[in-house]
Amino acid sequence: MLDCDSLFVNIDNNTFKVRGIQQAIKLYGQDARIKGVHVSPHTFGHTFAKMYIMNGGDAFSLQKILGHTSLDIVRMYVNLFGTDISEKHDRHSPIENL
């Protein structure tokens, strides 16, 4: 076990720099033969947010998970990937579910 507070460390127990993580993820994408998309930490975060919203997650918990201080960016994910508003109404309306 390594004595370090960082999640990502190298073999010398030194914290990975942002650029090192970006490069590693890019190489993993190449090794996995992923084509047609940019493989990066930003893309992972965007994909997570998209899937979270598409699977019924709410904007407030997504905001906390992503560490955003405001709902501005999260609102973009909801607007782009949220399910149809009438579908949500049908599923969650107290009147429709009596």
PDB file of N, CA and C in Angstrom:
ATOM      1  N   MET A   1       0.845  -1.181   0.000  1.00  0.00           N
ATOM      2  CA  MET A   1       0.000   0.000   0.000  1.00  0.00           C
ATOM      3  C   MET A   1       0.886   1.238   0.000  1.00  0.00           C
ATOM      4  N   LEU A   2       0.519   2.199  -0.831  1.00  0.00           N
ATOM      5  CA  LEU A   2       1.290   3.426  -0.941  1.00  0.00           C
ATOM      6  C   LEU A   2       0.790   4.473   0.036  1.00  0.00           C
ATOM      7  N   ASP A   3       1.712   5.273   0.536  1.00  0.00           N
ATOM      8  CA  ASP A   3       1.368   6.335   1.469  1.00  0.00           C
ATOM      9  C   ASP A   3       1.216   7.645   0.709  1.00  0.00           C
ATOM     10  N   CYS A   4       0.002   7.890   0.207  1.00  0.00           N
ATOM     11  CA  CYS A   4      -0.241   9.086  -0.596  1.00  0.00           C
ATOM     12  C   CYS A   4      -1.729   9.426  -0.535  1.00  0.00           C
ATOM     13  N   ASP A   5      -2.058  10.699  -0.556  1.00  0.00           N
ATOM     14  CA  ASP A   5      -3.454  11.133  -0.527  1.00  0.00           C
ATOM     15  C   ASP A   5      -4.079  11.204  -1.911  1.00  0.00           C
ATOM     16  N   SER A   6      -3.301  11.015  -2.949  1.00  0.00           N
ATOM     17  CA  SER A   6      -3.807  11.128  -4.317  1.00  0.00           C
ATOM     18  C   SER A   6      -4.379   9.806  -4.796  1.00  0.00           C
ATOM     19  N   LEU A   7      -5.363   9.910  -5.662  1.00  0.00           N
ATOM     20  CA  LEU A   7      -5.963   8.712  -6.247  1.00  0.00           C
ATOM     21  C   LEU A   7      -5.067   8.107  -7.316  1.00  0.00           C
ATOM     22  N   PHE A   8      -4.468   8.955  -8.146  1.00  0.00           N
ATOM     23  CA  PHE A   8      -3.629   8.491  -9.236  1.00  0.00           C
ATOM     24  C   PHE A   8      -2.173   8.828  -8.934  1.00  0.00           C
ATOM     25  N   VAL A   9      -1.363   7.775  -8.763  1.00  0.00           N
ATOM     26  CA  VAL A   9       0.061   7.955  -8.503  1.00  0.00           C
ATOM     27  C   VAL A   9       0.862   7.067  -9.443  1.00  0.00           C
ATOM     28  N   ASN A  10       2.116   7.468  -9.678  1.00  0.00           N
ATOM     29  CA  ASN A  10       2.977   6.657 -10.522  1.00  0.00           C
ATOM     30  C   ASN A  10       3.755   5.655  -9.665  1.00  0.00           C
ATOM     31  N   ILE A  11       4.627   4.922 -10.282  1.00  0.00           N
ATOM     32  CA  ILE A  11       5.373   3.872  -9.588  1.00  0.00           C
ATOM     33  C   ILE A  11       6.288   4.419  -8.482  1.00  0.00           C
ATOM     34  N   ASP A  12       6.624   5.707  -8.595  1.00  0.00           N
ATOM     35  CA  ASP A  12       7.470   6.351  -7.589  1.00  0.00           C
ATOM     36  C   ASP A  12       6.655   7.019  -6.487  1.00  0.00           C
ATOM     37  N   ASN A  13       5.355   6.760  -6.449  1.00  0.00           N
ATOM     38  CA  ASN A  13       4.443   7.317  -5.449  1.00  0.00           C
ATOM     39  C   ASN A  13       4.272   8.826  -5.596  1.00  0.00           C
ATOM     40  N   ASN A  14       4.490   9.339  -6.778  1.00  0.00           N
ATOM     41  CA  ASN A  14       4.274  10.757  -7.058  1.00  0.00           C
ATOM     42  C   ASN A  14       2.919  10.930  -7.730  1.00  0.00           C
ATOM     43  N   THR A  15       2.253  12.021  -7.404  1.00  0.00           N
ATOM     44  CA  THR A  15       0.942  12.299  -7.975  1.00  0.00           C
ATOM     45  C   THR A  15       1.044  12.531  -9.475  1.00  0.00           C
ATOM     46  N   PHE A  16       0.117  11.882 -10.223  1.00  0.00           N
ATOM     47  CA  PHE A  16       0.039  12.137 -11.656  1.00  0.00           C
ATOM     48  C   PHE A  16      -0.345  13.580 -11.884  1.00  0.00           C
ATOM     49  N   LYS A  17       0.235  14.189 -12.869  1.00  0.00           N
ATOM     50  CA  LYS A  17      -0.165  15.522 -13.304  1.00  0.00           C
ATOM     51  C   LYS A  17      -1.345  15.377 -14.265  1.00  0.00           C
ATOM     52  N   VAL A  18      -2.106  16.444 -14.419  1.00  0.00           N
ATOM     53  CA  VAL A  18      -3.281  16.417 -15.288  1.00  0.00           C
ATOM     54  C   VAL A  18      -2.911  15.939 -16.683  1.00  0.00           C
ATOM     55  N   ARG A  19      -1.836  16.468 -17.224  1.00  0.00           N
ATOM     56  CA  ARG A  19      -1.426  16.090 -18.582  1.00  0.00           C
ATOM     57  C   ARG A  19      -1.089  14.599 -18.663  1.00  0.00           C
ATOM     58  N   GLY A  20      -0.510  14.047 -17.628  1.00  0.00           N
ATOM     59  CA  GLY A  20      -0.187  12.621 -17.618  1.00  0.00           C
ATOM     60  C   GLY A  20      -1.436  11.752 -17.663  1.00  0.00           C
ATOM     61  N   ILE A  21      -2.468  12.153 -16.932  1.00  0.00           N
ATOM     62  CA  ILE A  21      -3.731  11.410 -16.946  1.00  0.00           C
ATOM     63  C   ILE A  21      -4.389  11.536 -18.315  1.00  0.00           C
ATOM     64  N   GLN A  22      -4.378  12.742 -18.884  1.00  0.00           N
ATOM     65  CA  GLN A  22      -4.942  12.932 -20.226  1.00  0.00           C
ATOM     66  C   GLN A  22      -4.238  12.031 -21.237  1.00  0.00           C
ATOM     67  N   GLN A  23      -2.924  11.990 -21.170  1.00  0.00           N
ATOM     68  CA  GLN A  23      -2.151  11.174 -22.114  1.00  0.00           C
ATOM     69  C   GLN A  23      -2.421   9.689 -21.911  1.00  0.00           C
ATOM     70  N   ALA A  24      -2.508   9.248 -20.656  1.00  0.00           N
ATOM     71  CA  ALA A  24      -2.779   7.827 -20.380  1.00  0.00           C
ATOM     72  C   ALA A  24      -4.141   7.423 -20.932  1.00  0.00           C
ATOM     73  N   ILE A  25      -5.155   8.244 -20.708  1.00  0.00           N
ATOM     74  CA  ILE A  25      -6.498   7.923 -21.207  1.00  0.00           C
ATOM     75  C   ILE A  25      -6.509   7.905 -22.731  1.00  0.00           C
ATOM     76  N   LYS A  26      -5.788   8.826 -23.348  1.00  0.00           N
ATOM     77  CA  LYS A  26      -5.694   8.834 -24.810  1.00  0.00           C
ATOM     78  C   LYS A  26      -5.071   7.526 -25.311  1.00  0.00           C
ATOM     79  N   LEU A  27      -4.009   7.081 -24.651  1.00  0.00           N
ATOM     80  CA  LEU A  27      -3.357   5.828 -25.044  1.00  0.00           C
ATOM     81  C   LEU A  27      -4.262   4.624 -24.818  1.00  0.00           C
ATOM     82  N   TYR A  28      -5.028   4.628 -23.718  1.00  0.00           N
ATOM     83  CA  TYR A  28      -5.985   3.537 -23.477  1.00  0.00           C
ATOM     84  C   TYR A  28      -7.022   3.489 -24.596  1.00  0.00           C
ATOM     85  N   GLY A  29      -7.466   4.650 -25.058  1.00  0.00           N
ATOM     86  CA  GLY A  29      -8.414   4.707 -26.167  1.00  0.00           C
ATOM     87  C   GLY A  29      -7.824   4.139 -27.443  1.00  0.00           C
ATOM     88  N   GLN A  30      -6.549   4.459 -27.687  1.00  0.00           N
ATOM     89  CA  GLN A  30      -5.873   3.907 -28.871  1.00  0.00           C
ATOM     90  C   GLN A  30      -5.716   2.397 -28.746  1.00  0.00           C
ATOM     91  N   ASP A  31      -5.311   1.931 -27.563  1.00  0.00           N
ATOM     92  CA  ASP A  31      -5.160   0.484 -27.339  1.00  0.00           C
ATOM     93  C   ASP A  31      -6.485  -0.249 -27.516  1.00  0.00           C
ATOM     94  N   ALA A  32      -7.578   0.407 -27.126  1.00  0.00           N
ATOM     95  CA  ALA A  32      -8.905  -0.202 -27.248  1.00  0.00           C
ATOM     96  C   ALA A  32      -9.484  -0.039 -28.652  1.00  0.00           C
ATOM     97  N   ARG A  33      -8.732   0.626 -29.528  1.00  0.00           N
ATOM     98  CA  ARG A  33      -9.136   0.867 -30.921  1.00  0.00           C
ATOM     99  C   ARG A  33     -10.456   1.641 -31.017  1.00  0.00           C
ATOM    100  N   ILE A  34     -10.630   2.605 -30.121  1.00  0.00           N
ATOM    101  CA  ILE A  34     -11.816   3.455 -30.159  1.00  0.00           C
ATOM    102  C   ILE A  34     -11.618   4.489 -31.257  1.00  0.00           C
ATOM    103  N   LYS A  35     -12.551   4.544 -32.161  1.00  0.00           N
ATOM    104  CA  LYS A  35     -12.464   5.446 -33.319  1.00  0.00           C
ATOM    105  C   LYS A  35     -13.669   6.382 -33.340  1.00  0.00           C
ATOM    106  N   GLY A  36     -13.477   7.549 -33.891  1.00  0.00           N
ATOM    107  CA  GLY A  36     -14.589   8.457 -34.137  1.00  0.00           C
ATOM    108  C   GLY A  36     -15.017   9.320 -32.971  1.00  0.00           C
ATOM    109  N   VAL A  37     -14.380   9.182 -31.815  1.00  0.00           N
ATOM    110  CA  VAL A  37     -14.682  10.041 -30.669  1.00  0.00           C
ATOM    111  C   VAL A  37     -13.376  10.446 -30.001  1.00  0.00           C
ATOM    112  N   HIS A  38     -13.409  11.587 -29.363  1.00  0.00           N
ATOM    113  CA  HIS A  38     -12.256  12.071 -28.616  1.00  0.00           C
ATOM    114  C   HIS A  38     -12.241  11.357 -27.266  1.00  0.00           C
ATOM    115  N   VAL A  39     -11.201  10.618 -26.957  1.00  0.00           N
ATOM    116  CA  VAL A  39     -11.096   9.889 -25.697  1.00  0.00           C
ATOM    117  C   VAL A  39     -10.297  10.754 -24.727  1.00  0.00           C
ATOM    118  N   SER A  40     -10.988  11.271 -23.706  1.00  0.00           N
ATOM    119  CA  SER A  40     -10.349  12.176 -22.754  1.00  0.00           C
ATOM    120  C   SER A  40     -11.115  12.159 -21.434  1.00  0.00           C
ATOM    121  N   PRO A  41     -10.521  12.683 -20.369  1.00  0.00           N
ATOM    122  CA  PRO A  41     -11.253  12.787 -19.102  1.00  0.00           C
ATOM    123  C   PRO A  41     -12.529  13.622 -19.264  1.00  0.00           C
ATOM    124  N   HIS A  42     -12.464  14.691 -20.052  1.00  0.00           N
ATOM    125  CA  HIS A  42     -13.647  15.524 -20.280  1.00  0.00           C
ATOM    126  C   HIS A  42     -14.755  14.711 -20.952  1.00  0.00           C
ATOM    127  N   THR A  43     -14.392  13.906 -21.935  1.00  0.00           N
ATOM    128  CA  THR A  43     -15.377  13.074 -22.622  1.00  0.00           C
ATOM    129  C   THR A  43     -15.990  12.062 -21.666  1.00  0.00           C
ATOM    130  N   PHE A  44     -15.176  11.486 -20.775  1.00  0.00           N
ATOM    131  CA  PHE A  44     -15.709  10.551 -19.775  1.00  0.00           C
ATOM    132  C   PHE A  44     -16.743  11.241 -18.894  1.00  0.00           C
ATOM    133  N   GLY A  45     -16.423  12.456 -18.430  1.00  0.00           N
ATOM    134  CA  GLY A  45     -17.357  13.196 -17.585  1.00  0.00           C
ATOM    135  C   GLY A  45     -18.636  13.538 -18.319  1.00  0.00           C
ATOM    136  N   HIS A  46     -18.502  13.967 -19.572  1.00  0.00           N
ATOM    137  CA  HIS A  46     -19.663  14.310 -20.389  1.00  0.00           C
ATOM    138  C   HIS A  46     -20.534  13.073 -20.620  1.00  0.00           C
ATOM    139  N   THR A  47     -19.904  11.954 -20.932  1.00  0.00           N
ATOM    140  CA  THR A  47     -20.646  10.718 -21.177  1.00  0.00           C
ATOM    141  C   THR A  47     -21.351  10.255 -19.919  1.00  0.00           C
ATOM    142  N   PHE A  48     -20.670  10.351 -18.773  1.00  0.00           N
ATOM    143  CA  PHE A  48     -21.306   9.990 -17.508  1.00  0.00           C
ATOM    144  C   PHE A  48     -22.548  10.847 -17.279  1.00  0.00           C
ATOM    145  N   ALA A  49     -22.410  12.169 -17.449  1.00  0.00           N
ATOM    146  CA  ALA A  49     -23.532  13.076 -17.217  1.00  0.00           C
ATOM    147  C   ALA A  49     -24.695  12.752 -18.157  1.00  0.00           C
ATOM    148  N   LYS A  50     -24.376  12.497 -19.414  1.00  0.00           N
ATOM    149  CA  LYS A  50     -25.408  12.159 -20.398  1.00  0.00           C
ATOM    150  C   LYS A  50     -26.151  10.891 -19.994  1.00  0.00           C
ATOM    151  N   MET A  51     -25.413   9.850 -19.661  1.00  0.00           N
ATOM    152  CA  MET A  51     -26.042   8.575 -19.296  1.00  0.00           C
ATOM    153  C   MET A  51     -26.830   8.698 -17.994  1.00  0.00           C
ATOM    154  N   TYR A  52     -26.320   9.483 -17.054  1.00  0.00           N
ATOM    155  CA  TYR A  52     -26.993   9.691 -15.779  1.00  0.00           C
ATOM    156  C   TYR A  52     -28.372  10.313 -16.004  1.00  0.00           C
ATOM    157  N   ILE A  53     -28.417  11.372 -16.808  1.00  0.00           N
ATOM    158  CA  ILE A  53     -29.682  12.042 -17.099  1.00  0.00           C
ATOM    159  C   ILE A  53     -30.604  11.138 -17.914  1.00  0.00           C
ATOM    160  N   MET A  54     -30.068  10.461 -18.923  1.00  0.00           N
ATOM    161  CA  MET A  54     -30.897   9.590 -19.771  1.00  0.00           C
ATOM    162  C   MET A  54     -31.482   8.423 -18.989  1.00  0.00           C
ATOM    163  N   ASN A  55     -30.819   8.024 -17.909  1.00  0.00           N
ATOM    164  CA  ASN A  55     -31.315   6.922 -17.087  1.00  0.00           C
ATOM    165  C   ASN A  55     -32.162   7.399 -15.914  1.00  0.00           C
ATOM    166  N   GLY A  56     -32.578   8.662 -15.950  1.00  0.00           N
ATOM    167  CA  GLY A  56     -33.517   9.154 -14.954  1.00  0.00           C
ATOM    168  C   GLY A  56     -32.903   9.878 -13.773  1.00  0.00           C
ATOM    169  N   GLY A  57     -31.606  10.097 -13.783  1.00  0.00           N
ATOM    170  CA  GLY A  57     -30.981  10.843 -12.696  1.00  0.00           C
ATOM    171  C   GLY A  57     -31.459  12.284 -12.689  1.00  0.00           C
ATOM    172  N   ASP A  58     -31.410  12.895 -11.510  1.00  0.00           N
ATOM    173  CA  ASP A  58     -31.887  14.274 -11.416  1.00  0.00           C
ATOM    174  C   ASP A  58     -30.727  15.263 -11.455  1.00  0.00           C
ATOM    175  N   ALA A  59     -31.043  16.487 -11.832  1.00  0.00           N
ATOM    176  CA  ALA A  59     -30.025  17.513 -12.019  1.00  0.00           C
ATOM    177  C   ALA A  59     -29.329  17.898 -10.717  1.00  0.00           C
ATOM    178  N   PHE A  60     -30.050  17.878  -9.608  1.00  0.00           N
ATOM    179  CA  PHE A  60     -29.457  18.302  -8.341  1.00  0.00           C
ATOM    180  C   PHE A  60     -28.383  17.325  -7.855  1.00  0.00           C
ATOM    181  N   SER A  61     -28.659  16.044  -7.949  1.00  0.00           N
ATOM    182  CA  SER A  61     -27.632  15.081  -7.531  1.00  0.00           C
ATOM    183  C   SER A  61     -26.471  15.056  -8.533  1.00  0.00           C
ATOM    184  N   LEU A  62     -26.760  15.233  -9.825  1.00  0.00           N
ATOM    185  CA  LEU A  62     -25.689  15.291 -10.824  1.00  0.00           C
ATOM    186  C   LEU A  62     -24.776  16.483 -10.542  1.00  0.00           C
ATOM    187  N   GLN A  63     -25.351  17.597 -10.166  1.00  0.00           N
ATOM    188  CA  GLN A  63     -24.557  18.775  -9.817  1.00  0.00           C
ATOM    189  C   GLN A  63     -23.580  18.449  -8.694  1.00  0.00           C
ATOM    190  N   LYS A  64     -24.056  17.756  -7.673  1.00  0.00           N
ATOM    191  CA  LYS A  64     -23.192  17.383  -6.541  1.00  0.00           C
ATOM    192  C   LYS A  64     -22.111  16.392  -6.968  1.00  0.00           C
ATOM    193  N   ILE A  65     -22.489  15.398  -7.755  1.00  0.00           N
ATOM    194  CA  ILE A  65     -21.542  14.372  -8.208  1.00  0.00           C
ATOM    195  C   ILE A  65     -20.417  15.003  -9.025  1.00  0.00           C
ATOM    196  N   LEU A  66     -20.780  15.926  -9.924  1.00  0.00           N
ATOM    197  CA  LEU A  66     -19.790  16.555 -10.795  1.00  0.00           C
ATOM    198  C   LEU A  66     -19.003  17.659 -10.094  1.00  0.00           C
ATOM    199  N   GLY A  67     -19.492  18.101  -8.933  1.00  0.00           N
ATOM    200  CA  GLY A  67     -18.795  19.136  -8.182  1.00  0.00           C
ATOM    201  C   GLY A  67     -19.016  20.539  -8.707  1.00  0.00           C
ATOM    202  N   HIS A  68     -20.105  20.757  -9.444  1.00  0.00           N
ATOM    203  CA  HIS A  68     -20.404  22.093  -9.955  1.00  0.00           C
ATOM    204  C   HIS A  68     -21.053  22.936  -8.860  1.00  0.00           C
ATOM    205  N   THR A  69     -20.707  24.212  -8.813  1.00  0.00           N
ATOM    206  CA  THR A  69     -21.277  25.095  -7.802  1.00  0.00           C
ATOM    207  C   THR A  69     -22.627  25.664  -8.221  1.00  0.00           C
ATOM    208  N   SER A  70     -22.924  25.618  -9.506  1.00  0.00           N
ATOM    209  CA  SER A  70     -24.227  26.103  -9.974  1.00  0.00           C
ATOM    210  C   SER A  70     -24.826  25.078 -10.930  1.00  0.00           C
ATOM    211  N   LEU A  71     -26.091  25.282 -11.224  1.00  0.00           N
ATOM    212  CA  LEU A  71     -26.788  24.363 -12.130  1.00  0.00           C
ATOM    213  C   LEU A  71     -26.629  24.729 -13.602  1.00  0.00           C
ATOM    214  N   ASP A  72     -25.876  25.763 -13.921  1.00  0.00           N
ATOM    215  CA  ASP A  72     -25.773  26.229 -15.309  1.00  0.00           C
ATOM    216  C   ASP A  72     -25.290  25.138 -16.265  1.00  0.00           C
ATOM    217  N   ILE A  73     -24.185  24.495 -15.957  1.00  0.00           N
ATOM    218  CA  ILE A  73     -23.654  23.442 -16.836  1.00  0.00           C
ATOM    219  C   ILE A  73     -24.554  22.217 -16.797  1.00  0.00           C
ATOM    220  N   VAL A  74     -25.028  21.861 -15.624  1.00  0.00           N
ATOM    221  CA  VAL A  74     -25.902  20.698 -15.482  1.00  0.00           C
ATOM    222  C   VAL A  74     -27.186  20.903 -16.279  1.00  0.00           C
ATOM    223  N   ARG A  75     -27.684  22.123 -16.296  1.00  0.00           N
ATOM    224  CA  ARG A  75     -28.896  22.442 -17.061  1.00  0.00           C
ATOM    225  C   ARG A  75     -28.705  22.093 -18.542  1.00  0.00           C
ATOM    226  N   MET A  76     -27.498  22.303 -19.055  1.00  0.00           N
ATOM    227  CA  MET A  76     -27.214  21.966 -20.447  1.00  0.00           C
ATOM    228  C   MET A  76     -27.415  20.467 -20.687  1.00  0.00           C
ATOM    229  N   TYR A  77     -26.915  19.632 -19.769  1.00  0.00           N
ATOM    230  CA  TYR A  77     -27.086  18.180 -19.925  1.00  0.00           C
ATOM    231  C   TYR A  77     -28.559  17.801 -19.885  1.00  0.00           C
ATOM    232  N   VAL A  78     -29.296  18.397 -18.980  1.00  0.00           N
ATOM    233  CA  VAL A  78     -30.720  18.086 -18.864  1.00  0.00           C
ATOM    234  C   VAL A  78     -31.450  18.496 -20.137  1.00  0.00           C
ATOM    235  N   ASN A  79     -31.149  19.679 -20.662  1.00  0.00           N
ATOM    236  CA  ASN A  79     -31.812  20.142 -21.885  1.00  0.00           C
ATOM    237  C   ASN A  79     -31.446  19.284 -23.086  1.00  0.00           C
ATOM    238  N   LEU A  80     -30.202  18.833 -23.156  1.00  0.00           N
ATOM    239  CA  LEU A  80     -29.766  18.036 -24.301  1.00  0.00           C
ATOM    240  C   LEU A  80     -30.255  16.594 -24.238  1.00  0.00           C
ATOM    241  N   PHE A  81     -30.264  16.014 -23.021  1.00  0.00           N
ATOM    242  CA  PHE A  81     -30.459  14.571 -22.929  1.00  0.00           C
ATOM    243  C   PHE A  81     -31.628  14.137 -22.059  1.00  0.00           C
ATOM    244  N   GLY A  82     -32.345  15.074 -21.462  1.00  0.00           N
ATOM    245  CA  GLY A  82     -33.483  14.710 -20.627  1.00  0.00           C
ATOM    246  C   GLY A  82     -34.559  14.028 -21.453  1.00  0.00           C
ATOM    247  N   THR A  83     -35.262  13.108 -20.823  1.00  0.00           N
ATOM    248  CA  THR A  83     -36.345  12.434 -21.538  1.00  0.00           C
ATOM    249  C   THR A  83     -37.494  13.401 -21.742  1.00  0.00           C
ATOM    250  N   ASP A  84     -38.376  13.063 -22.600  1.00  0.00           N
ATOM    251  CA  ASP A  84     -39.514  13.907 -22.928  1.00  0.00           C
ATOM    252  C   ASP A  84     -40.279  14.307 -21.674  1.00  0.00           C
ATOM    253  N   ILE A  85     -40.629  15.572 -21.580  1.00  0.00           N
ATOM    254  CA  ILE A  85     -41.285  16.102 -20.390  1.00  0.00           C
ATOM    255  C   ILE A  85     -42.632  15.439 -20.131  1.00  0.00           C
ATOM    256  N   SER A  86     -43.363  15.126 -21.180  1.00  0.00           N
ATOM    257  CA  SER A  86     -44.667  14.478 -20.970  1.00  0.00           C
ATOM    258  C   SER A  86     -44.486  13.062 -20.433  1.00  0.00           C
ATOM    259  N   GLU A  87     -43.416  12.387 -20.835  1.00  0.00           N
ATOM    260  CA  GLU A  87     -43.132  11.050 -20.298  1.00  0.00           C
ATOM    261  C   GLU A  87     -42.857  11.135 -18.795  1.00  0.00           C
ATOM    262  N   LYS A  88     -42.075  12.129 -18.376  1.00  0.00           N
ATOM    263  CA  LYS A  88     -41.807  12.308 -16.948  1.00  0.00           C
ATOM    264  C   LYS A  88     -43.086  12.655 -16.199  1.00  0.00           C
ATOM    265  N   HIS A  89     -43.920  13.487 -16.814  1.00  0.00           N
ATOM    266  CA  HIS A  89     -45.182  13.847 -16.176  1.00  0.00           C
ATOM    267  C   HIS A  89     -46.039  12.608 -15.956  1.00  0.00           C
ATOM    268  N   ASP A  90     -46.160  11.773 -16.987  1.00  0.00           N
ATOM    269  CA  ASP A  90     -46.959  10.555 -16.872  1.00  0.00           C
ATOM    270  C   ASP A  90     -46.439   9.632 -15.777  1.00  0.00           C
ATOM    271  N   ARG A  91     -45.136   9.549 -15.668  1.00  0.00           N
ATOM    272  CA  ARG A  91     -44.533   8.633 -14.706  1.00  0.00           C
ATOM    273  C   ARG A  91     -44.622   9.153 -13.266  1.00  0.00           C
ATOM    274  N   HIS A  92     -44.529  10.471 -13.078  1.00  0.00           N
ATOM    275  CA  HIS A  92     -44.404  11.013 -11.737  1.00  0.00           C
ATOM    276  C   HIS A  92     -45.577  11.843 -11.253  1.00  0.00           C
ATOM    277  N   SER A  93     -46.557  12.079 -12.086  1.00  0.00           N
ATOM    278  CA  SER A  93     -47.679  12.908 -11.691  1.00  0.00           C
ATOM    279  C   SER A  93     -48.507  12.236 -10.603  1.00  0.00           C
ATOM    280  N   PRO A  94     -48.783  12.949  -9.508  1.00  0.00           N
ATOM    281  CA  PRO A  94     -49.626  12.362  -8.461  1.00  0.00           C
ATOM    282  C   PRO A  94     -51.031  12.028  -8.977  1.00  0.00           C
ATOM    283  N   ILE A  95     -51.548  12.854  -9.876  1.00  0.00           N
ATOM    284  CA  ILE A  95     -52.887  12.610 -10.423  1.00  0.00           C
ATOM    285  C   ILE A  95     -52.914  11.347 -11.277  1.00  0.00           C
ATOM    286  N   GLU A  96     -51.878  11.178 -12.098  1.00  0.00           N
ATOM    287  CA  GLU A  96     -51.827  10.016 -12.986  1.00  0.00           C
ATOM    288  C   GLU A  96     -51.569   8.724 -12.224  1.00  0.00           C
ATOM    289  N   ASN A  97     -51.077   8.823 -11.006  1.00  0.00           N
ATOM    290  CA  ASN A  97     -50.711   7.622 -10.253  1.00  0.00           C
ATOM    291  C   ASN A  97     -51.563   7.374  -9.037  1.00  0.00           C
ATOM    292  N   LEU A  98     -52.820   7.820  -9.076  1.00  0.00           N
ATOM    293  CA  LEU A  98     -53.752   7.556  -7.961  1.00  0.00           C
ATOM    294  C   LEU A  98     -54.251   6.133  -7.979  1.00  0.00           C
TER     295      LEU A  98
END
